[in-house]
Amino acid sequence: MEHVNITIGPLSFDHADYDADSDVLYLHVGEPQSGEGEETPEGHVVRYAPGTNRVVGLTVLGARRILDRDGRLAITVPDTVETTAEQLAPALAAV
């Protein structure tokens, strides 16, 4: 788990782990913690602190594939926010 500073719309994450073999990006606020997961319309998973609407994690499926194909990544949390490959570069390097 690497320390990073990733902002996607109103969300900020300070820890990342990227599984290059599966192309799955895990972003966390603080160390990973349990939360209540909710799938986004795009197929990603947002994790909230139990009983709250405070985002504590985000799992992005196919992160590199989507960025290579579209040049951007959209995530609905609950409004749609976008980020670029450049903004996610530190997280995608977190192996």
PDB file of N, CA and C in Angstrom:
ATOM      1  N   MET A   1       0.854  -1.169   0.000  1.00  0.00           N
ATOM      2  CA  MET A   1       0.000   0.000   0.000  1.00  0.00           C
ATOM      3  C   MET A   1       0.899   1.231   0.000  1.00  0.00           C
ATOM      4  N   GLU A   2       0.733   2.055  -0.996  1.00  0.00           N
ATOM      5  CA  GLU A   2       1.557   3.253  -1.149  1.00  0.00           C
ATOM      6  C   GLU A   2       0.796   4.488  -0.686  1.00  0.00           C
ATOM      7  N   HIS A   3       1.528   5.447  -0.126  1.00  0.00           N
ATOM      8  CA  HIS A   3       0.957   6.754   0.183  1.00  0.00           C
ATOM      9  C   HIS A   3       0.904   7.540  -1.113  1.00  0.00           C
ATOM     10  N   VAL A   4      -0.266   8.090  -1.412  1.00  0.00           N
ATOM     11  CA  VAL A   4      -0.463   8.903  -2.604  1.00  0.00           C
ATOM     12  C   VAL A   4      -1.342  10.086  -2.234  1.00  0.00           C
ATOM     13  N   ASN A   5      -1.530  10.974  -3.178  1.00  0.00           N
ATOM     14  CA  ASN A   5      -2.460  12.080  -3.010  1.00  0.00           C
ATOM     15  C   ASN A   5      -3.271  12.158  -4.287  1.00  0.00           C
ATOM     16  N   ILE A   6      -4.412  11.475  -4.306  1.00  0.00           N
ATOM     17  CA  ILE A   6      -5.264  11.378  -5.481  1.00  0.00           C
ATOM     18  C   ILE A   6      -6.596  12.053  -5.185  1.00  0.00           C
ATOM     19  N   THR A   7      -6.996  12.968  -6.053  1.00  0.00           N
ATOM     20  CA  THR A   7      -8.285  13.628  -5.918  1.00  0.00           C
ATOM     21  C   THR A   7      -9.103  13.342  -7.168  1.00  0.00           C
ATOM     22  N   ILE A   8     -10.314  12.865  -6.968  1.00  0.00           N
ATOM     23  CA  ILE A   8     -11.257  12.608  -8.046  1.00  0.00           C
ATOM     24  C   ILE A   8     -12.526  13.361  -7.676  1.00  0.00           C
ATOM     25  N   GLY A   9     -12.799  14.454  -8.367  1.00  0.00           N
ATOM     26  CA  GLY A   9     -13.943  15.283  -7.997  1.00  0.00           C
ATOM     27  C   GLY A   9     -13.783  15.730  -6.563  1.00  0.00           C
ATOM     28  N   PRO A  10     -14.802  15.518  -5.720  1.00  0.00           N
ATOM     29  CA  PRO A  10     -14.712  15.932  -4.319  1.00  0.00           C
ATOM     30  C   PRO A  10     -14.024  14.904  -3.425  1.00  0.00           C
ATOM     31  N   LEU A  11     -13.614  13.768  -3.983  1.00  0.00           N
ATOM     32  CA  LEU A  11     -13.025  12.697  -3.184  1.00  0.00           C
ATOM     33  C   LEU A  11     -11.507  12.783  -3.171  1.00  0.00           C
ATOM     34  N   SER A  12     -10.912  12.578  -2.017  1.00  0.00           N
ATOM     35  CA  SER A  12      -9.456  12.549  -1.881  1.00  0.00           C
ATOM     36  C   SER A  12      -9.052  11.239  -1.227  1.00  0.00           C
ATOM     37  N   PHE A  13      -8.027  10.613  -1.792  1.00  0.00           N
ATOM     38  CA  PHE A  13      -7.514   9.350  -1.293  1.00  0.00           C
ATOM     39  C   PHE A  13      -6.034   9.500  -1.009  1.00  0.00           C
ATOM     40  N   ASP A  14      -5.560   8.847   0.068  1.00  0.00           N
ATOM     41  CA  ASP A  14      -4.146   8.973   0.421  1.00  0.00           C
ATOM     42  C   ASP A  14      -3.401   7.643   0.426  1.00  0.00           C
ATOM     43  N   HIS A  15      -4.070   6.557   0.070  1.00  0.00           N
ATOM     44  CA  HIS A  15      -3.433   5.250  -0.054  1.00  0.00           C
ATOM     45  C   HIS A  15      -3.932   4.576  -1.328  1.00  0.00           C
ATOM     46  N   ALA A  16      -3.030   3.866  -1.991  1.00  0.00           N
ATOM     47  CA  ALA A  16      -3.408   3.174  -3.222  1.00  0.00           C
ATOM     48  C   ALA A  16      -2.658   1.867  -3.349  1.00  0.00           C
ATOM     49  N   ASP A  17      -3.294   0.946  -4.022  1.00  0.00           N
ATOM     50  CA  ASP A  17      -2.676  -0.315  -4.384  1.00  0.00           C
ATOM     51  C   ASP A  17      -3.233  -0.666  -5.755  1.00  0.00           C
ATOM     52  N   TYR A  18      -2.357  -1.021  -6.684  1.00  0.00           N
ATOM     53  CA  TYR A  18      -2.786  -1.358  -8.031  1.00  0.00           C
ATOM     54  C   TYR A  18      -2.364  -2.774  -8.359  1.00  0.00           C
ATOM     55  N   ASP A  19      -3.312  -3.610  -8.712  1.00  0.00           N
ATOM     56  CA  ASP A  19      -3.059  -4.981  -9.139  1.00  0.00           C
ATOM     57  C   ASP A  19      -3.008  -4.965 -10.666  1.00  0.00           C
ATOM     58  N   ALA A  20      -1.796  -4.870 -11.219  1.00  0.00           N
ATOM     59  CA  ALA A  20      -1.618  -4.753 -12.665  1.00  0.00           C
ATOM     60  C   ALA A  20      -2.093  -6.004 -13.397  1.00  0.00           C
ATOM     61  N   ASP A  21      -1.919  -7.179 -12.801  1.00  0.00           N
ATOM     62  CA  ASP A  21      -2.348  -8.415 -13.454  1.00  0.00           C
ATOM     63  C   ASP A  21      -3.863  -8.439 -13.676  1.00  0.00           C
ATOM     64  N   SER A  22      -4.608  -7.953 -12.708  1.00  0.00           N
ATOM     65  CA  SER A  22      -6.071  -7.936 -12.806  1.00  0.00           C
ATOM     66  C   SER A  22      -6.605  -6.578 -13.251  1.00  0.00           C
ATOM     67  N   ASP A  23      -5.734  -5.574 -13.343  1.00  0.00           N
ATOM     68  CA  ASP A  23      -6.113  -4.202 -13.693  1.00  0.00           C
ATOM     69  C   ASP A  23      -7.185  -3.671 -12.749  1.00  0.00           C
ATOM     70  N   VAL A  24      -6.900  -3.790 -11.450  1.00  0.00           N
ATOM     71  CA  VAL A  24      -7.812  -3.301 -10.422  1.00  0.00           C
ATOM     72  C   VAL A  24      -7.052  -2.301  -9.556  1.00  0.00           C
ATOM     73  N   LEU A  25      -7.623  -1.113  -9.410  1.00  0.00           N
ATOM     74  CA  LEU A  25      -7.037  -0.053  -8.600  1.00  0.00           C
ATOM     75  C   LEU A  25      -7.846   0.087  -7.322  1.00  0.00           C
ATOM     76  N   TYR A  26      -7.146   0.000  -6.179  1.00  0.00           N
ATOM     77  CA  TYR A  26      -7.771   0.154  -4.873  1.00  0.00           C
ATOM     78  C   TYR A  26      -7.309   1.483  -4.285  1.00  0.00           C
ATOM     79  N   LEU A  27      -8.238   2.382  -4.022  1.00  0.00           N
ATOM     80  CA  LEU A  27      -7.927   3.663  -3.399  1.00  0.00           C
ATOM     81  C   LEU A  27      -8.585   3.700  -2.028  1.00  0.00           C
ATOM     82  N   HIS A  28      -7.872   4.270  -1.036  1.00  0.00           N
ATOM     83  CA  HIS A  28      -8.364   4.297   0.335  1.00  0.00           C
ATOM     84  C   HIS A  28      -8.117   5.662   0.959  1.00  0.00           C
ATOM     85  N   VAL A  29      -8.972   5.978   1.925  1.00  0.00           N
ATOM     86  CA  VAL A  29      -8.756   7.115   2.804  1.00  0.00           C
ATOM     87  C   VAL A  29      -8.176   6.518   4.075  1.00  0.00           C
ATOM     88  N   GLY A  30      -6.900   6.786   4.331  1.00  0.00           N
ATOM     89  CA  GLY A  30      -6.233   6.132   5.453  1.00  0.00           C
ATOM     90  C   GLY A  30      -5.969   4.683   5.103  1.00  0.00           C
ATOM     91  N   GLU A  31      -5.647   3.891   6.097  1.00  0.00           N
ATOM     92  CA  GLU A  31      -5.424   2.464   5.877  1.00  0.00           C
ATOM     93  C   GLU A  31      -6.750   1.808   5.494  1.00  0.00           C
ATOM     94  N   PRO A  32      -6.701   0.729   4.715  1.00  0.00           N
ATOM     95  CA  PRO A  32      -7.953   0.050   4.343  1.00  0.00           C
ATOM     96  C   PRO A  32      -8.765  -0.308   5.581  1.00  0.00           C
ATOM     97  N   GLN A  33     -10.060  -0.102   5.470  1.00  0.00           N
ATOM     98  CA  GLN A  33     -10.959  -0.418   6.577  1.00  0.00           C
ATOM     99  C   GLN A  33     -12.240  -1.003   6.013  1.00  0.00           C
ATOM    100  N   SER A  34     -12.968  -1.679   6.854  1.00  0.00           N
ATOM    101  CA  SER A  34     -14.222  -2.258   6.392  1.00  0.00           C
ATOM    102  C   SER A  34     -15.206  -1.133   6.112  1.00  0.00           C
ATOM    103  N   GLY A  35     -16.105  -1.399   5.222  1.00  0.00           N
ATOM    104  CA  GLY A  35     -17.110  -0.412   4.864  1.00  0.00           C
ATOM    105  C   GLY A  35     -18.253  -1.079   4.150  1.00  0.00           C
ATOM    106  N   GLU A  36     -19.254  -0.304   3.885  1.00  0.00           N
ATOM    107  CA  GLU A  36     -20.416  -0.781   3.157  1.00  0.00           C
ATOM    108  C   GLU A  36     -20.219  -0.437   1.692  1.00  0.00           C
ATOM    109  N   GLY A  37     -20.124  -1.461   0.846  1.00  0.00           N
ATOM    110  CA  GLY A  37     -19.861  -1.241  -0.564  1.00  0.00           C
ATOM    111  C   GLY A  37     -21.116  -1.003  -1.367  1.00  0.00           C
ATOM    112  N   GLU A  38     -20.969  -0.163  -2.384  1.00  0.00           N
ATOM    113  CA  GLU A  38     -22.068   0.125  -3.293  1.00  0.00           C
ATOM    114  C   GLU A  38     -21.504   0.188  -4.704  1.00  0.00           C
ATOM    115  N   GLU A  39     -22.069  -0.589  -5.599  1.00  0.00           N
ATOM    116  CA  GLU A  39     -21.586  -0.599  -6.981  1.00  0.00           C
ATOM    117  C   GLU A  39     -22.071   0.646  -7.706  1.00  0.00           C
ATOM    118  N   THR A  40     -21.182   1.247  -8.483  1.00  0.00           N
ATOM    119  CA  THR A  40     -21.548   2.413  -9.283  1.00  0.00           C
ATOM    120  C   THR A  40     -22.145   1.941 -10.610  1.00  0.00           C
ATOM    121  N   PRO A  41     -22.821   2.817 -11.336  1.00  0.00           N
ATOM    122  CA  PRO A  41     -23.344   2.436 -12.651  1.00  0.00           C
ATOM    123  C   PRO A  41     -22.246   1.976 -13.613  1.00  0.00           C
ATOM    124  N   GLU A  42     -21.008   2.417 -13.383  1.00  0.00           N
ATOM    125  CA  GLU A  42     -19.882   2.039 -14.235  1.00  0.00           C
ATOM    126  C   GLU A  42     -19.285   0.684 -13.858  1.00  0.00           C
ATOM    127  N   GLY A  43     -19.748   0.086 -12.750  1.00  0.00           N
ATOM    128  CA  GLY A  43     -19.247  -1.211 -12.325  1.00  0.00           C
ATOM    129  C   GLY A  43     -18.123  -1.160 -11.308  1.00  0.00           C
ATOM    130  N   HIS A  44     -17.798   0.013 -10.786  1.00  0.00           N
ATOM    131  CA  HIS A  44     -16.787   0.149  -9.748  1.00  0.00           C
ATOM    132  C   HIS A  44     -17.473  -0.015  -8.385  1.00  0.00           C
ATOM    133  N   VAL A  45     -16.701  -0.033  -7.304  1.00  0.00           N
ATOM    134  CA  VAL A  45     -17.286  -0.176  -5.971  1.00  0.00           C
ATOM    135  C   VAL A  45     -16.796   0.962  -5.084  1.00  0.00           C
ATOM    136  N   VAL A  46     -17.755   1.700  -4.522  1.00  0.00           N
ATOM    137  CA  VAL A  46     -17.461   2.754  -3.554  1.00  0.00           C
ATOM    138  C   VAL A  46     -17.759   2.185  -2.178  1.00  0.00           C
ATOM    139  N   ARG A  47     -16.830   2.379  -1.240  1.00  0.00           N
ATOM    140  CA  ARG A  47     -17.036   1.909   0.130  1.00  0.00           C
ATOM    141  C   ARG A  47     -17.234   3.112   1.057  1.00  0.00           C
ATOM    142  N   TYR A  48     -18.279   3.005   1.871  1.00  0.00           N
ATOM    143  CA  TYR A  48     -18.622   4.058   2.822  1.00  0.00           C
ATOM    144  C   TYR A  48     -18.363   3.557   4.236  1.00  0.00           C
ATOM    145  N   ALA A  49     -17.982   4.466   5.131  1.00  0.00           N
ATOM    146  CA  ALA A  49     -17.873   4.104   6.553  1.00  0.00           C
ATOM    147  C   ALA A  49     -19.250   3.619   6.992  1.00  0.00           C
ATOM    148  N   PRO A  50     -19.304   2.539   7.768  1.00  0.00           N
ATOM    149  CA  PRO A  50     -20.596   1.969   8.161  1.00  0.00           C
ATOM    150  C   PRO A  50     -21.550   3.010   8.738  1.00  0.00           C
ATOM    151  N   GLY A  51     -22.775   3.012   8.189  1.00  0.00           N
ATOM    152  CA  GLY A  51     -23.816   3.907   8.688  1.00  0.00           C
ATOM    153  C   GLY A  51     -23.670   5.358   8.287  1.00  0.00           C
ATOM    154  N   THR A  52     -22.741   5.669   7.369  1.00  0.00           N
ATOM    155  CA  THR A  52     -22.529   7.062   6.965  1.00  0.00           C
ATOM    156  C   THR A  52     -22.485   7.155   5.441  1.00  0.00           C
ATOM    157  N   ASN A  53     -22.330   8.373   4.949  1.00  0.00           N
ATOM    158  CA  ASN A  53     -22.107   8.571   3.518  1.00  0.00           C
ATOM    159  C   ASN A  53     -20.675   9.040   3.260  1.00  0.00           C
ATOM    160  N   ARG A  54     -19.780   8.802   4.239  1.00  0.00           N
ATOM    161  CA  ARG A  54     -18.366   9.182   4.109  1.00  0.00           C
ATOM    162  C   ARG A  54     -17.618   8.089   3.354  1.00  0.00           C
ATOM    163  N   VAL A  55     -17.073   8.467   2.201  1.00  0.00           N
ATOM    164  CA  VAL A  55     -16.347   7.520   1.358  1.00  0.00           C
ATOM    165  C   VAL A  55     -15.010   7.190   2.009  1.00  0.00           C
ATOM    166  N   VAL A  56     -14.731   5.880   2.170  1.00  0.00           N
ATOM    167  CA  VAL A  56     -13.461   5.434   2.744  1.00  0.00           C
ATOM    168  C   VAL A  56     -12.646   4.621   1.744  1.00  0.00           C
ATOM    169  N   GLY A  57     -13.250   4.279   0.607  1.00  0.00           N
ATOM    170  CA  GLY A  57     -12.510   3.504  -0.381  1.00  0.00           C
ATOM    171  C   GLY A  57     -13.206   3.464  -1.720  1.00  0.00           C
ATOM    172  N   LEU A  58     -12.429   3.151  -2.731  1.00  0.00           N
ATOM    173  CA  LEU A  58     -12.939   3.035  -4.086  1.00  0.00           C
ATOM    174  C   LEU A  58     -12.155   1.936  -4.787  1.00  0.00           C
ATOM    175  N   THR A  59     -12.852   1.004  -5.387  1.00  0.00           N
ATOM    176  CA  THR A  59     -12.229  -0.049  -6.176  1.00  0.00           C
ATOM    177  C   THR A  59     -12.611   0.197  -7.628  1.00  0.00           C
ATOM    178  N   VAL A  60     -11.591   0.422  -8.461  1.00  0.00           N
ATOM    179  CA  VAL A  60     -11.812   0.721  -9.874  1.00  0.00           C
ATOM    180  C   VAL A  60     -11.417  -0.503 -10.695  1.00  0.00           C
ATOM    181  N   LEU A  61     -12.390  -1.115 -11.331  1.00  0.00           N
ATOM    182  CA  LEU A  61     -12.157  -2.296 -12.152  1.00  0.00           C
ATOM    183  C   LEU A  61     -11.803  -1.872 -13.573  1.00  0.00           C
ATOM    184  N   GLY A  62     -10.700  -2.410 -14.089  1.00  0.00           N
ATOM    185  CA  GLY A  62     -10.274  -2.085 -15.455  1.00  0.00           C
ATOM    186  C   GLY A  62      -9.746  -0.678 -15.607  1.00  0.00           C
ATOM    187  N   ALA A  63      -9.096  -0.153 -14.579  1.00  0.00           N
ATOM    188  CA  ALA A  63      -8.647   1.242 -14.575  1.00  0.00           C
ATOM    189  C   ALA A  63      -7.767   1.582 -15.784  1.00  0.00           C
ATOM    190  N   ARG A  64      -6.717   0.848 -15.990  1.00  0.00           N
ATOM    191  CA  ARG A  64      -5.788   1.145 -17.084  1.00  0.00           C
ATOM    192  C   ARG A  64      -6.478   0.963 -18.446  1.00  0.00           C
ATOM    193  N   ARG A  65      -7.273  -0.101 -18.586  1.00  0.00           N
ATOM    194  CA  ARG A  65      -7.985  -0.363 -19.838  1.00  0.00           C
ATOM    195  C   ARG A  65      -8.917   0.799 -20.185  1.00  0.00           C
ATOM    196  N   ILE A  66      -9.655   1.293 -19.203  1.00  0.00           N
ATOM    197  CA  ILE A  66     -10.584   2.404 -19.431  1.00  0.00           C
ATOM    198  C   ILE A  66      -9.824   3.668 -19.800  1.00  0.00           C
ATOM    199  N   LEU A  67      -8.747   3.965 -19.070  1.00  0.00           N
ATOM    200  CA  LEU A  67      -7.962   5.170 -19.366  1.00  0.00           C
ATOM    201  C   LEU A  67      -7.327   5.087 -20.746  1.00  0.00           C
ATOM    202  N   ASP A  68      -6.831   3.909 -21.127  1.00  0.00           N
ATOM    203  CA  ASP A  68      -6.241   3.749 -22.461  1.00  0.00           C
ATOM    204  C   ASP A  68      -7.296   3.916 -23.549  1.00  0.00           C
ATOM    205  N   ARG A  69      -8.483   3.403 -23.297  1.00  0.00           N
ATOM    206  CA  ARG A  69      -9.557   3.447 -24.293  1.00  0.00           C
ATOM    207  C   ARG A  69     -10.208   4.829 -24.398  1.00  0.00           C
ATOM    208  N   ASP A  70     -10.534   5.437 -23.221  1.00  0.00           N
ATOM    209  CA  ASP A  70     -11.321   6.670 -23.204  1.00  0.00           C
ATOM    210  C   ASP A  70     -10.518   7.924 -22.889  1.00  0.00           C
ATOM    211  N   GLY A  71      -9.336   7.753 -22.303  1.00  0.00           N
ATOM    212  CA  GLY A  71      -8.541   8.908 -21.910  1.00  0.00           C
ATOM    213  C   GLY A  71      -9.002   9.554 -20.619  1.00  0.00           C
ATOM    214  N   ARG A  72     -10.049   9.027 -20.034  1.00  0.00           N
ATOM    215  CA  ARG A  72     -10.575   9.541 -18.764  1.00  0.00           C
ATOM    216  C   ARG A  72     -11.324   8.422 -18.071  1.00  0.00           C
ATOM    217  N   LEU A  73     -11.609   8.622 -16.797  1.00  0.00           N
ATOM    218  CA  LEU A  73     -12.324   7.641 -16.002  1.00  0.00           C
ATOM    219  C   LEU A  73     -13.474   8.357 -15.317  1.00  0.00           C
ATOM    220  N   ALA A  74     -14.697   7.879 -15.496  1.00  0.00           N
ATOM    221  CA  ALA A  74     -15.873   8.469 -14.862  1.00  0.00           C
ATOM    222  C   ALA A  74     -16.373   7.538 -13.770  1.00  0.00           C
ATOM    223  N   ILE A  75     -16.755   8.128 -12.645  1.00  0.00           N
ATOM    224  CA  ILE A  75     -17.265   7.362 -11.510  1.00  0.00           C
ATOM    225  C   ILE A  75     -18.443   8.129 -10.926  1.00  0.00           C
ATOM    226  N   THR A  76     -19.548   7.455 -10.690  1.00  0.00           N
ATOM    227  CA  THR A  76     -20.729   8.082 -10.127  1.00  0.00           C
ATOM    228  C   THR A  76     -20.756   7.826  -8.623  1.00  0.00           C
ATOM    229  N   VAL A  77     -20.644   8.925  -7.825  1.00  0.00           N
ATOM    230  CA  VAL A  77     -20.550   8.806  -6.348  1.00  0.00           C
ATOM    231  C   VAL A  77     -21.266   9.927  -5.592  1.00  0.00           C
ATOM    232  N   PRO A  78     -22.484  10.220  -5.549  1.00  0.00           N
ATOM    233  CA  PRO A  78     -23.545   9.827  -6.454  1.00  0.00           C
ATOM    234  C   PRO A  78     -23.543  10.641  -7.742  1.00  0.00           C
ATOM    235  N   ASP A  79     -22.890  11.801  -7.757  1.00  0.00           N
ATOM    236  CA  ASP A  79     -22.744  12.547  -9.010  1.00  0.00           C
ATOM    237  C   ASP A  79     -21.556  11.973  -9.775  1.00  0.00           C
ATOM    238  N   THR A  80     -21.579  12.123 -11.084  1.00  0.00           N
ATOM    239  CA  THR A  80     -20.471  11.622 -11.892  1.00  0.00           C
ATOM    240  C   THR A  80     -19.287  12.559 -11.778  1.00  0.00           C
ATOM    241  N   VAL A  81     -18.132  11.989 -11.446  1.00  0.00           N
ATOM    242  CA  VAL A  81     -16.879  12.739 -11.391  1.00  0.00           C
ATOM    243  C   VAL A  81     -15.908  12.060 -12.342  1.00  0.00           C
ATOM    244  N   GLU A  82     -14.935  12.818 -12.835  1.00  0.00           N
ATOM    245  CA  GLU A  82     -13.981  12.276 -13.791  1.00  0.00           C
ATOM    246  C   GLU A  82     -12.563  12.563 -13.346  1.00  0.00           C
ATOM    247  N   THR A  83     -11.655  11.745 -13.828  1.00  0.00           N
ATOM    248  CA  THR A  83     -10.234  11.940 -13.608  1.00  0.00           C
ATOM    249  C   THR A  83      -9.496  11.496 -14.858  1.00  0.00           C
ATOM    250  N   THR A  84      -8.223  11.826 -14.932  1.00  0.00           N
ATOM    251  CA  THR A  84      -7.420  11.497 -16.105  1.00  0.00           C
ATOM    252  C   THR A  84      -6.310  10.518 -15.729  1.00  0.00           C
ATOM    253  N   ALA A  85      -5.652   9.985 -16.749  1.00  0.00           N
ATOM    254  CA  ALA A  85      -4.530   9.092 -16.522  1.00  0.00           C
ATOM    255  C   ALA A  85      -3.422   9.823 -15.767  1.00  0.00           C
ATOM    256  N   GLU A  86      -3.191  11.074 -16.113  1.00  0.00           N
ATOM    257  CA  GLU A  86      -2.160  11.863 -15.441  1.00  0.00           C
ATOM    258  C   GLU A  86      -2.442  12.005 -13.949  1.00  0.00           C
ATOM    259  N   GLN A  87      -3.686  12.259 -13.596  1.00  0.00           N
ATOM    260  CA  GLN A  87      -4.056  12.421 -12.204  1.00  0.00           C
ATOM    261  C   GLN A  87      -3.962  11.090 -11.443  1.00  0.00           C
ATOM    262  N   LEU A  88      -4.188   9.982 -12.128  1.00  0.00           N
ATOM    263  CA  LEU A  88      -4.131   8.671 -11.465  1.00  0.00           C
ATOM    264  C   LEU A  88      -2.768   8.011 -11.542  1.00  0.00           C
ATOM    265  N   ALA A  89      -1.825   8.610 -12.254  1.00  0.00           N
ATOM    266  CA  ALA A  89      -0.499   7.995 -12.443  1.00  0.00           C
ATOM    267  C   ALA A  89       0.142   7.545 -11.134  1.00  0.00           C
ATOM    268  N   PRO A  90       0.156   8.357 -10.064  1.00  0.00           N
ATOM    269  CA  PRO A  90       0.792   7.877  -8.829  1.00  0.00           C
ATOM    270  C   PRO A  90       0.113   6.636  -8.262  1.00  0.00           C
ATOM    271  N   ALA A  91      -1.188   6.541  -8.385  1.00  0.00           N
ATOM    272  CA  ALA A  91      -1.908   5.381  -7.866  1.00  0.00           C
ATOM    273  C   ALA A  91      -1.652   4.149  -8.730  1.00  0.00           C
ATOM    274  N   LEU A  92      -1.611   4.326 -10.033  1.00  0.00           N
ATOM    275  CA  LEU A  92      -1.376   3.197 -10.927  1.00  0.00           C
ATOM    276  C   LEU A  92       0.049   2.670 -10.822  1.00  0.00           C
ATOM    277  N   ALA A  93       0.929   3.460 -10.242  1.00  0.00           N
ATOM    278  CA  ALA A  93       2.299   3.008 -10.014  1.00  0.00           C
ATOM    279  C   ALA A  93       2.433   2.300  -8.669  1.00  0.00           C
ATOM    280  N   ALA A  94       1.380   2.350  -7.849  1.00  0.00           N
ATOM    281  CA  ALA A  94       1.417   1.763  -6.515  1.00  0.00           C
ATOM    282  C   ALA A  94       1.171   0.271  -6.605  1.00  0.00           C
ATOM    283  N   VAL A  95       2.240  -0.494  -6.669  1.00  0.00           N
ATOM    284  CA  VAL A  95       2.129  -1.954  -6.813  1.00  0.00           C
ATOM    285  C   VAL A  95       2.502  -2.623  -5.513  1.00  0.00           C
TER     286      VAL A  95
END
